Each structure stands twice: as structure tokens, then as C-alpha cells.
N, C-alpha and C. Protein backbone atom coordinates (compact mmCIF):
# COMPACT_ATOMS: atom_id res chain seq x y z
N MET A 1 99.60 138.13 91.87
CA MET A 1 100.52 139.24 91.97
C MET A 1 101.36 139.54 90.72
N THR A 2 101.32 140.68 90.26
CA THR A 2 102.23 140.93 89.10
C THR A 2 103.61 141.11 89.52
N LYS A 3 104.49 140.53 88.65
CA LYS A 3 105.95 140.60 88.67
C LYS A 3 106.42 141.51 87.48
N ALA A 4 107.60 141.94 87.68
CA ALA A 4 108.25 142.81 86.48
C ALA A 4 109.72 142.35 86.44
N VAL A 5 110.06 142.17 85.02
CA VAL A 5 111.51 142.04 84.69
C VAL A 5 111.98 143.15 83.78
N PHE A 6 113.06 143.79 84.32
CA PHE A 6 113.60 144.94 83.72
C PHE A 6 114.96 144.60 83.06
N GLY A 7 114.93 144.64 81.79
CA GLY A 7 116.13 144.37 80.88
C GLY A 7 116.90 145.62 80.80
N LEU A 8 118.00 145.93 81.30
CA LEU A 8 118.76 147.25 81.19
C LEU A 8 119.43 147.23 79.93
N GLY A 9 119.49 148.38 79.39
CA GLY A 9 120.22 148.61 78.03
C GLY A 9 120.07 150.21 77.72
N ASN A 10 120.57 150.42 76.66
CA ASN A 10 120.42 151.60 76.03
C ASN A 10 119.67 151.81 74.71
N PRO A 11 118.72 152.70 74.54
CA PRO A 11 117.78 152.69 73.32
C PRO A 11 118.57 153.27 72.18
N GLY A 12 118.15 152.85 70.95
CA GLY A 12 118.76 153.49 69.76
C GLY A 12 119.63 152.45 68.95
N LEU A 13 119.63 152.54 67.71
CA LEU A 13 120.48 151.72 66.88
C LEU A 13 121.97 151.84 67.16
N PRO A 14 122.69 152.72 67.64
CA PRO A 14 123.98 152.73 67.97
C PRO A 14 124.46 151.66 69.01
N TYR A 15 123.33 151.48 69.85
CA TYR A 15 123.68 150.58 70.97
C TYR A 15 123.14 149.17 70.72
N ALA A 16 122.30 148.97 69.72
CA ALA A 16 121.75 147.64 69.40
C ALA A 16 122.75 146.45 69.50
N LEU A 17 122.48 145.41 69.96
CA LEU A 17 123.37 144.44 70.22
C LEU A 17 124.73 144.56 70.82
N SER A 18 124.88 145.57 71.50
CA SER A 18 126.10 145.79 72.19
C SER A 18 126.09 144.99 73.58
N ARG A 19 127.26 144.75 74.17
CA ARG A 19 127.36 143.80 75.39
C ARG A 19 126.52 144.67 76.36
N HIS A 20 126.58 146.01 76.51
CA HIS A 20 125.80 146.74 77.51
C HIS A 20 124.28 146.46 77.30
N ASN A 21 123.67 145.96 76.12
CA ASN A 21 122.27 145.85 75.94
C ASN A 21 121.79 144.37 76.05
N ILE A 22 122.56 143.53 76.78
CA ILE A 22 122.14 142.03 76.96
C ILE A 22 120.81 141.90 77.72
N GLY A 23 120.51 142.99 78.50
CA GLY A 23 119.19 142.98 79.18
C GLY A 23 118.21 143.24 78.21
N PHE A 24 118.22 144.19 77.21
CA PHE A 24 117.25 144.23 76.11
C PHE A 24 117.17 142.98 75.39
N GLN A 25 118.17 142.31 75.00
CA GLN A 25 118.21 141.12 74.38
C GLN A 25 117.45 140.01 75.07
N VAL A 26 117.61 139.88 76.19
CA VAL A 26 116.88 138.90 77.08
C VAL A 26 115.45 139.26 77.00
N ILE A 27 114.95 140.38 77.06
CA ILE A 27 113.57 140.77 77.09
C ILE A 27 113.09 140.36 75.61
N ASP A 28 113.80 140.78 74.58
CA ASP A 28 113.36 140.48 73.30
C ASP A 28 113.19 139.00 73.00
N LEU A 29 114.09 138.27 73.36
CA LEU A 29 114.06 136.74 73.13
C LEU A 29 113.04 136.30 74.03
N TYR A 30 112.78 136.62 75.32
CA TYR A 30 111.59 136.19 76.11
C TYR A 30 110.27 136.42 75.29
N ARG A 31 110.07 137.73 74.70
CA ARG A 31 108.90 137.99 74.01
C ARG A 31 108.58 137.04 72.91
N GLU A 32 109.85 136.86 72.29
CA GLU A 32 109.70 135.87 70.96
C GLU A 32 109.41 134.40 71.24
N VAL A 33 110.01 133.89 72.41
CA VAL A 33 109.88 132.48 72.88
C VAL A 33 108.36 132.40 73.25
N HIS A 34 107.94 133.28 73.89
CA HIS A 34 106.52 133.21 74.41
C HIS A 34 105.52 133.84 73.79
N ARG A 35 105.85 134.19 72.49
CA ARG A 35 104.95 134.75 71.56
C ARG A 35 104.24 135.89 72.07
N THR A 36 104.82 136.89 72.79
CA THR A 36 104.17 137.91 73.36
C THR A 36 103.93 139.01 72.19
N ARG A 37 102.74 139.19 71.80
CA ARG A 37 102.49 139.77 70.59
C ARG A 37 101.87 141.13 70.95
N ARG A 38 101.44 141.21 72.15
CA ARG A 38 100.88 142.62 72.61
C ARG A 38 101.75 143.79 72.32
N LYS A 39 101.17 144.72 71.88
CA LYS A 39 102.03 145.83 71.61
C LYS A 39 102.65 146.40 72.75
N GLY A 40 103.92 146.91 72.81
CA GLY A 40 104.50 147.51 73.79
C GLY A 40 103.89 148.95 73.85
N ARG A 41 103.97 149.49 75.17
CA ARG A 41 103.43 150.97 75.25
C ARG A 41 104.60 151.71 75.97
N ILE A 42 104.63 152.94 75.65
CA ILE A 42 105.59 153.66 76.46
C ILE A 42 105.00 154.19 77.72
N GLU A 43 105.69 153.89 78.84
CA GLU A 43 105.01 154.26 80.12
C GLU A 43 106.16 154.53 81.15
N SER A 44 106.14 155.88 81.60
CA SER A 44 107.25 156.18 82.58
C SER A 44 108.56 155.95 82.04
N SER A 45 108.82 156.57 80.76
CA SER A 45 110.23 156.30 80.13
C SER A 45 110.62 155.04 80.02
N ALA A 46 109.76 154.12 79.75
CA ALA A 46 110.03 152.64 79.58
C ALA A 46 109.11 151.98 78.55
N LEU A 47 109.76 151.09 77.79
CA LEU A 47 108.88 150.22 76.84
C LEU A 47 108.26 149.24 77.70
N VAL A 48 107.04 148.86 77.93
CA VAL A 48 106.45 148.02 78.77
C VAL A 48 105.64 147.09 77.95
N TYR A 49 105.78 145.66 77.98
CA TYR A 49 105.01 144.56 77.55
C TYR A 49 104.43 143.85 78.65
N SER A 50 103.21 143.45 78.44
CA SER A 50 102.55 142.68 79.61
C SER A 50 102.15 141.26 78.95
N ARG A 51 102.22 140.21 79.92
CA ARG A 51 101.88 138.99 79.66
C ARG A 51 101.57 138.09 80.84
N ASP A 52 100.25 137.86 81.01
CA ASP A 52 99.86 137.00 82.06
C ASP A 52 100.62 137.28 83.45
N GLY A 53 100.25 138.45 84.01
CA GLY A 53 100.75 138.80 85.26
C GLY A 53 102.30 139.17 85.31
N LEU A 54 102.92 139.35 84.07
CA LEU A 54 104.35 139.65 84.08
C LEU A 54 104.52 140.89 83.20
N LEU A 55 105.23 141.89 83.73
CA LEU A 55 105.47 143.05 82.87
C LEU A 55 106.97 142.90 82.50
N LEU A 56 107.28 143.00 81.12
CA LEU A 56 108.62 142.83 80.58
C LEU A 56 108.91 144.42 80.27
N VAL A 57 110.04 144.97 80.79
CA VAL A 57 110.30 146.35 80.64
C VAL A 57 111.64 146.64 80.14
N LYS A 58 111.70 147.64 79.14
CA LYS A 58 113.03 148.04 78.66
C LYS A 58 113.10 149.43 78.94
N PRO A 59 113.75 149.97 80.03
CA PRO A 59 113.79 151.32 80.25
C PRO A 59 114.48 152.10 79.11
N MET A 60 113.87 153.28 78.80
CA MET A 60 114.24 154.11 77.71
C MET A 60 115.02 155.18 78.06
N THR A 61 115.50 155.27 79.33
CA THR A 61 116.20 156.45 79.98
C THR A 61 117.71 156.40 79.72
N TYR A 62 118.24 155.53 78.95
CA TYR A 62 119.73 155.14 78.94
C TYR A 62 120.18 154.51 80.15
N MET A 63 121.15 153.83 80.05
CA MET A 63 121.57 152.86 81.12
C MET A 63 121.81 153.62 82.39
N ASN A 64 122.48 154.80 82.36
CA ASN A 64 122.91 155.40 83.75
C ASN A 64 121.85 156.04 84.48
N GLU A 65 120.52 156.11 83.87
CA GLU A 65 119.36 156.66 84.45
C GLU A 65 118.35 155.50 84.65
N SER A 66 118.67 154.40 84.45
CA SER A 66 117.58 153.28 84.51
C SER A 66 116.77 153.26 85.58
N GLY A 67 117.26 153.74 86.82
CA GLY A 67 116.43 153.70 88.05
C GLY A 67 115.20 154.68 87.93
N ARG A 68 115.21 155.56 87.16
CA ARG A 68 114.03 156.54 87.13
C ARG A 68 112.83 155.67 86.47
N ALA A 69 113.19 155.03 85.49
CA ALA A 69 112.07 154.00 84.70
C ALA A 69 111.72 152.94 85.68
N VAL A 70 112.68 152.28 86.32
CA VAL A 70 112.22 151.17 87.18
C VAL A 70 111.49 151.53 88.36
N ARG A 71 111.83 152.66 89.05
CA ARG A 71 110.98 153.31 90.02
C ARG A 71 109.50 153.54 89.60
N ALA A 72 109.40 154.31 88.41
CA ALA A 72 108.17 154.78 88.05
C ALA A 72 107.25 153.56 87.63
N VAL A 73 107.77 152.58 87.04
CA VAL A 73 107.05 151.35 86.71
C VAL A 73 106.64 150.51 87.95
N LEU A 74 107.49 150.41 88.80
CA LEU A 74 107.21 149.75 90.04
C LEU A 74 106.00 150.45 90.85
N ASP A 75 106.03 151.89 90.89
CA ASP A 75 105.10 152.56 91.62
C ASP A 75 103.78 152.51 90.76
N ALA A 76 103.85 152.64 89.54
CA ALA A 76 102.60 152.68 88.65
C ALA A 76 101.79 151.50 88.89
N HIS A 77 102.60 150.40 89.03
CA HIS A 77 101.74 148.97 89.09
C HIS A 77 101.80 148.64 90.50
N ARG A 78 102.31 149.13 91.46
CA ARG A 78 102.31 148.77 92.94
C ARG A 78 103.03 147.49 93.09
N ILE A 79 104.21 147.38 92.45
CA ILE A 79 105.05 146.24 92.55
C ILE A 79 106.05 146.42 93.51
N PRO A 80 106.32 145.57 94.54
CA PRO A 80 107.33 145.76 95.50
C PRO A 80 108.72 145.45 94.76
N PRO A 81 109.69 145.93 95.23
CA PRO A 81 111.12 145.61 94.60
C PRO A 81 111.41 144.04 94.69
N SER A 82 110.75 143.38 95.61
CA SER A 82 111.13 141.95 95.78
C SER A 82 110.38 141.14 94.71
N ASP A 83 109.47 141.68 94.00
CA ASP A 83 108.82 141.15 92.98
C ASP A 83 109.24 141.52 91.49
N ALA A 84 110.52 142.23 91.51
CA ALA A 84 111.01 142.64 90.21
C ALA A 84 112.44 141.84 90.09
N LEU A 85 112.77 141.84 88.94
CA LEU A 85 114.05 141.18 88.45
C LEU A 85 114.74 142.08 87.53
N ILE A 86 115.95 142.56 87.89
CA ILE A 86 116.75 143.40 87.08
C ILE A 86 117.76 142.64 86.27
N VAL A 87 117.76 142.62 84.94
CA VAL A 87 118.70 141.73 84.07
C VAL A 87 119.72 142.76 83.43
N TYR A 88 120.95 142.39 83.66
CA TYR A 88 122.03 143.34 83.16
C TYR A 88 123.32 142.70 82.78
N ASP A 89 124.24 143.28 82.24
CA ASP A 89 125.61 142.76 81.71
C ASP A 89 126.47 143.11 83.12
N ASP A 90 127.52 142.22 83.17
CA ASP A 90 128.33 142.36 84.35
C ASP A 90 129.81 142.04 83.75
N LEU A 91 130.62 143.15 83.98
CA LEU A 91 132.10 142.92 83.75
C LEU A 91 132.79 142.22 84.72
N ASP A 92 132.16 141.92 86.00
CA ASP A 92 132.94 141.17 87.05
C ASP A 92 132.68 139.82 86.89
N LEU A 93 131.81 139.23 85.95
CA LEU A 93 131.68 137.80 85.73
C LEU A 93 132.21 137.57 84.17
N GLU A 94 132.72 136.30 84.32
CA GLU A 94 133.36 135.73 82.99
C GLU A 94 132.18 135.59 82.04
N LEU A 95 132.50 135.78 80.84
CA LEU A 95 131.49 135.57 79.63
C LEU A 95 130.84 134.36 79.68
N GLY A 96 129.55 134.40 79.70
CA GLY A 96 128.78 133.11 79.82
C GLY A 96 128.23 132.55 81.08
N ARG A 97 128.54 133.51 82.15
CA ARG A 97 128.02 133.10 83.44
C ARG A 97 126.86 133.73 83.77
N ILE A 98 125.90 133.15 84.51
CA ILE A 98 124.62 133.86 85.07
C ILE A 98 124.92 133.77 86.55
N ARG A 99 124.45 134.88 87.18
CA ARG A 99 124.46 134.88 88.74
C ARG A 99 123.22 135.68 89.12
N MET A 100 122.30 134.85 89.76
CA MET A 100 121.02 135.52 90.28
C MET A 100 121.27 135.76 91.75
N LEU A 101 120.83 137.00 92.30
CA LEU A 101 120.98 137.39 93.66
C LEU A 101 119.65 138.06 94.19
N ALA A 102 119.49 137.75 95.37
CA ALA A 102 118.33 138.42 95.97
C ALA A 102 118.56 140.04 96.32
N SER A 103 119.77 140.25 96.59
CA SER A 103 120.08 141.55 96.99
C SER A 103 121.64 141.82 96.95
N GLY A 104 122.05 143.06 97.25
CA GLY A 104 123.48 143.30 97.31
C GLY A 104 123.89 144.61 96.55
N GLY A 105 125.12 145.02 96.45
CA GLY A 105 125.42 146.30 95.93
C GLY A 105 125.42 146.35 94.28
N ALA A 106 125.82 147.35 93.63
CA ALA A 106 125.95 147.26 92.27
C ALA A 106 127.24 147.17 91.67
N GLY A 107 128.27 147.10 92.45
CA GLY A 107 129.63 147.11 91.94
C GLY A 107 129.79 148.38 91.00
N SER A 108 130.53 148.23 89.89
CA SER A 108 130.78 149.29 89.23
C SER A 108 129.73 149.58 88.02
N HIS A 109 128.59 148.90 88.07
CA HIS A 109 127.63 149.01 87.06
C HIS A 109 126.66 150.21 87.43
N LYS A 110 126.78 151.28 86.47
CA LYS A 110 126.13 152.44 86.71
C LYS A 110 124.65 152.37 86.58
N GLY A 111 124.13 151.55 85.64
CA GLY A 111 122.81 151.21 85.58
C GLY A 111 122.10 150.70 86.79
N MET A 112 122.79 149.67 87.25
CA MET A 112 122.44 149.11 88.56
C MET A 112 122.54 150.15 89.91
N GLN A 113 123.62 150.93 89.80
CA GLN A 113 123.69 151.87 90.84
C GLN A 113 122.43 152.85 90.72
N SER A 114 122.10 153.24 89.63
CA SER A 114 120.91 154.09 89.54
C SER A 114 119.63 153.48 90.00
N VAL A 115 119.48 152.11 89.60
CA VAL A 115 118.31 151.38 90.02
C VAL A 115 118.20 151.34 91.68
N LEU A 116 119.38 150.93 92.27
CA LEU A 116 119.44 150.89 93.79
C LEU A 116 119.17 152.32 94.40
N ARG A 117 119.72 153.38 93.79
CA ARG A 117 119.46 154.64 94.29
C ARG A 117 117.90 155.04 94.21
N ALA A 118 117.20 154.69 93.10
CA ALA A 118 115.96 155.05 92.83
C ALA A 118 114.91 154.24 93.58
N VAL A 119 115.23 153.03 93.90
CA VAL A 119 114.27 152.15 94.77
C VAL A 119 114.70 152.26 96.15
N GLY A 120 115.61 152.70 96.47
CA GLY A 120 115.98 153.07 97.95
C GLY A 120 116.45 151.80 98.73
N THR A 121 116.72 150.74 98.11
CA THR A 121 117.14 149.51 98.84
C THR A 121 117.93 148.62 97.90
N GLU A 122 118.89 147.76 98.44
CA GLU A 122 119.75 146.88 97.80
C GLU A 122 118.80 145.58 97.68
N ASP A 123 117.80 145.43 98.42
CA ASP A 123 117.06 144.21 98.40
C ASP A 123 115.95 144.10 97.08
N ILE A 124 116.61 143.81 95.97
CA ILE A 124 115.96 143.85 94.75
C ILE A 124 116.67 142.75 93.95
N PRO A 125 115.91 141.65 93.49
CA PRO A 125 116.62 140.60 92.85
C PRO A 125 117.08 141.10 91.44
N ARG A 126 118.35 140.45 91.14
CA ARG A 126 118.89 140.69 89.87
C ARG A 126 119.58 139.49 89.23
N MET A 127 119.57 139.54 87.96
CA MET A 127 120.29 138.53 87.14
C MET A 127 121.46 139.28 86.45
N ARG A 128 122.71 138.80 86.75
CA ARG A 128 123.87 139.24 86.19
C ARG A 128 124.42 138.42 85.06
N LEU A 129 124.67 138.85 83.92
CA LEU A 129 125.06 138.07 82.94
C LEU A 129 126.39 138.53 82.50
N GLY A 130 127.37 137.39 82.73
CA GLY A 130 128.94 137.78 82.47
C GLY A 130 129.15 138.07 81.09
N ILE A 131 130.04 139.23 81.03
CA ILE A 131 130.47 139.54 79.60
C ILE A 131 132.04 139.80 79.47
N GLU A 132 132.66 139.52 80.64
CA GLU A 132 134.05 139.54 80.68
C GLU A 132 134.91 138.65 79.83
N THR A 133 136.03 139.06 79.22
CA THR A 133 136.87 138.18 78.56
C THR A 133 138.17 138.22 78.84
N ASP A 134 138.96 137.05 78.82
CA ASP A 134 140.39 137.08 79.19
C ASP A 134 141.21 138.03 78.20
N ASP A 135 140.83 138.28 77.04
CA ASP A 135 141.70 138.82 76.13
C ASP A 135 141.28 140.35 75.83
N ARG A 136 140.32 140.74 76.81
CA ARG A 136 139.96 142.34 76.67
C ARG A 136 141.09 143.18 76.75
N ASP A 137 141.12 144.11 75.76
CA ASP A 137 142.16 145.29 75.85
C ASP A 137 141.56 146.50 76.00
N ALA A 138 140.25 146.65 75.67
CA ALA A 138 139.64 147.95 75.85
C ALA A 138 139.20 148.24 77.07
N PRO A 139 139.19 149.53 77.38
CA PRO A 139 138.74 149.98 78.72
C PRO A 139 137.18 149.66 79.02
N GLY A 140 136.77 149.29 80.02
CA GLY A 140 135.33 148.97 80.43
C GLY A 140 134.31 149.71 79.65
N ARG A 141 134.40 150.99 79.59
CA ARG A 141 133.30 151.66 78.90
C ARG A 141 133.30 151.52 77.45
N ASP A 142 134.42 151.40 76.79
CA ASP A 142 134.41 151.18 75.40
C ASP A 142 134.04 149.68 75.19
N PHE A 143 134.48 148.65 75.96
CA PHE A 143 134.24 147.38 75.80
C PHE A 143 132.76 147.08 75.92
N VAL A 144 132.04 147.58 76.99
CA VAL A 144 130.63 147.38 76.98
C VAL A 144 129.82 147.92 75.90
N LEU A 145 130.22 148.97 75.36
CA LEU A 145 129.50 149.57 74.19
C LEU A 145 129.69 148.90 72.83
N ASP A 146 130.74 148.16 72.86
CA ASP A 146 130.94 147.34 71.57
C ASP A 146 130.16 146.05 71.50
N ARG A 147 130.02 145.57 70.27
CA ARG A 147 129.32 144.45 69.95
C ARG A 147 130.20 143.14 70.28
N PHE A 148 129.47 142.02 70.50
CA PHE A 148 130.16 140.72 70.74
C PHE A 148 130.73 140.36 69.44
N THR A 149 131.82 139.60 69.68
CA THR A 149 132.57 138.96 68.49
C THR A 149 131.83 137.79 67.96
N PRO A 150 132.02 137.18 66.68
CA PRO A 150 131.26 136.00 66.51
C PRO A 150 131.61 134.86 67.47
N ALA A 151 132.65 134.77 67.90
CA ALA A 151 133.09 133.67 68.97
C ALA A 151 132.40 133.93 70.20
N GLU A 152 132.21 135.21 70.53
CA GLU A 152 131.49 135.50 71.81
C GLU A 152 130.12 135.28 71.67
N TRP A 153 129.51 135.54 70.73
CA TRP A 153 128.21 135.12 70.26
C TRP A 153 127.86 133.80 70.62
N GLU A 154 128.74 132.89 70.11
CA GLU A 154 128.49 131.49 70.36
C GLU A 154 128.41 131.11 71.81
N ARG A 155 129.10 131.93 72.67
CA ARG A 155 129.10 131.61 74.04
C ARG A 155 127.93 132.24 74.72
N ILE A 156 127.50 133.31 74.15
CA ILE A 156 126.47 134.22 74.96
C ILE A 156 125.03 133.92 74.47
N LEU A 157 124.93 133.40 73.32
CA LEU A 157 123.47 132.99 72.95
C LEU A 157 122.89 132.01 73.87
N PRO A 158 123.53 130.88 74.11
CA PRO A 158 122.91 130.00 75.12
C PRO A 158 122.57 130.67 76.46
N VAL A 159 123.32 131.48 76.75
CA VAL A 159 123.23 132.25 78.17
C VAL A 159 122.03 133.13 78.09
N ILE A 160 121.73 133.74 76.98
CA ILE A 160 120.53 134.50 76.92
C ILE A 160 119.30 133.56 77.01
N ARG A 161 119.42 132.42 76.23
CA ARG A 161 118.37 131.40 76.23
C ARG A 161 118.12 130.91 77.77
N ASP A 162 119.14 130.69 78.39
CA ASP A 162 119.08 130.31 79.90
C ASP A 162 118.35 131.38 80.64
N ALA A 163 118.70 132.65 80.44
CA ALA A 163 118.11 133.79 81.00
C ALA A 163 116.71 133.78 80.94
N VAL A 164 116.04 133.44 79.72
CA VAL A 164 114.65 133.34 79.43
C VAL A 164 114.05 132.23 80.46
N ASP A 165 114.83 131.06 80.33
CA ASP A 165 114.33 129.96 81.38
C ASP A 165 114.28 130.54 82.84
N ALA A 166 115.39 131.28 83.11
CA ALA A 166 115.35 131.80 84.50
C ALA A 166 114.19 132.56 84.84
N ILE A 167 113.88 133.44 83.86
CA ILE A 167 112.74 134.28 84.23
C ILE A 167 111.29 133.36 84.35
N ASP A 168 111.28 132.43 83.73
CA ASP A 168 110.07 131.55 83.82
C ASP A 168 110.25 130.94 85.25
N VAL A 169 111.31 130.46 85.71
CA VAL A 169 111.37 129.92 87.06
C VAL A 169 111.12 131.03 88.09
N PHE A 170 111.69 132.06 88.00
CA PHE A 170 111.48 133.21 88.85
C PHE A 170 110.02 133.43 88.95
N VAL A 171 109.18 133.62 87.92
CA VAL A 171 107.81 133.86 87.85
C VAL A 171 107.06 132.84 88.43
N ALA A 172 107.32 131.57 88.06
CA ALA A 172 106.46 130.29 88.56
C ALA A 172 106.76 129.82 90.00
N HIS A 173 108.19 129.93 90.19
CA HIS A 173 108.55 129.31 91.55
C HIS A 173 109.26 130.14 92.47
N GLY A 174 109.60 131.38 92.12
CA GLY A 174 110.13 132.34 93.03
C GLY A 174 111.77 132.31 92.70
N LEU A 175 112.42 133.40 93.43
CA LEU A 175 113.80 133.72 93.14
C LEU A 175 114.78 132.43 93.81
N ASP A 176 114.29 132.05 94.93
CA ASP A 176 115.14 130.84 95.51
C ASP A 176 115.17 129.81 94.60
N ALA A 177 114.33 129.31 93.76
CA ALA A 177 114.22 128.28 92.90
C ALA A 177 115.13 128.54 91.76
N ALA A 178 115.03 129.74 91.30
CA ALA A 178 115.92 130.20 90.14
C ALA A 178 117.15 130.40 90.62
N MET A 179 117.59 130.75 91.73
CA MET A 179 118.97 130.83 92.19
C MET A 179 119.59 129.48 92.18
N THR A 180 118.87 128.69 92.79
CA THR A 180 119.38 127.27 92.93
C THR A 180 119.54 126.53 91.69
N TRP A 181 118.73 126.76 90.64
CA TRP A 181 119.06 126.14 89.31
C TRP A 181 119.99 126.76 88.49
N PHE A 182 120.00 128.21 88.45
CA PHE A 182 120.72 128.88 87.49
C PHE A 182 122.13 129.49 87.97
N ASN A 183 122.39 129.35 89.25
CA ASN A 183 123.68 129.81 89.78
C ASN A 183 124.76 128.72 89.58
N ARG A 184 124.39 127.69 89.10
CA ARG A 184 125.43 126.49 88.85
C ARG A 184 126.33 126.99 87.88
N TRP A 185 127.64 126.46 87.91
CA TRP A 185 128.59 126.79 86.96
C TRP A 185 129.14 125.55 86.53
N GLU A 186 128.94 125.27 85.24
CA GLU A 186 129.37 124.02 84.66
C GLU A 186 130.65 124.35 83.65
């Protein structure tokens, strides 16, 4: 059975490496670690890479319309929402935390709100990557569209690597195993 991992973000250079694009960064690192060389193809407003029963997807619809691309790819490949994983930044989690969930609301994240509306259920696995900092003085919208500071990169790079490992566990052993292993906080 094919699974799909959707890394949420915004296309284009102005958004590259922004906090809001951490989902794209996870997909890119996964491809690099696993030497996924197959050319991506544009499909249903998304850049899709395939690797051994796994689709790696970067919606090209911009964050707030991510659901259109997610729904289209799921439909095109007949993948149920339970076999998908949405990876995105979360201002409700401290920088450096990973939280995997089987279902739930979107909170204030407009990209995830779009996904839930489009798939018609809150029962879709997700991996939330914390980006909140204690010293943030910018409003949420400006903060997420800004780039990580050098000190923040030191904290977030290991998290992006852990996210790649979490995808492997999700694909090989399922969401429960991934949640058991990666929801720990040290």
C-alpha cells in the first residue's frame, strides 16, 4: 500500500528556508538522505517524488491552500487519509519539539485548516514541528515567514533529521510506533 508524506510550505525563493517552510525542508532532507533521485513531477498543484511505495509531496498551492493539493494527490493515488502524514511548523510548540498525532484540530495553522477542510476529516496523521521561541517579538504571521537565526538553526537541524527518521518509522511500522518513539521530550 502506498503512503504519502506532505511537507507543507510556500513555493518560491522569498519563502525558502523560512520557519513556515520546515515541511519542505523535511521532504528535501528525506530525499537527500535516501538518495531519491527520481525527478519530481508536477501533479495536482504539487511537486511529487516517489520512492518504494512512498510519495513525498510538496504542495505548490501556497500554505493557506495546501488542502487542494493534498486532496488531489490522495484522490489520484487512492490513498486514504490514514496513510498520509502532514508535516508542518507549529507556533504552539517550543522550538525543537516534535509532536506526532493521529488526528485533531488545526489550531491556528491555516495550512492545516485547509488540509482538514479538503479531506473532510480530522483523522489524518500529522507531525508538528515546534518553532516557537521565548524571545519572539514579531507577530505570528511575520515570525513564521522569517528565517531561523543561526542559534535557532542549531536547535532545528537535529529536529529535521529526527523528522526524517520519524517518516521511516511511520512508513515501516505505522503511526503508533512513530508516536511512541518521537513524542518523547528530552
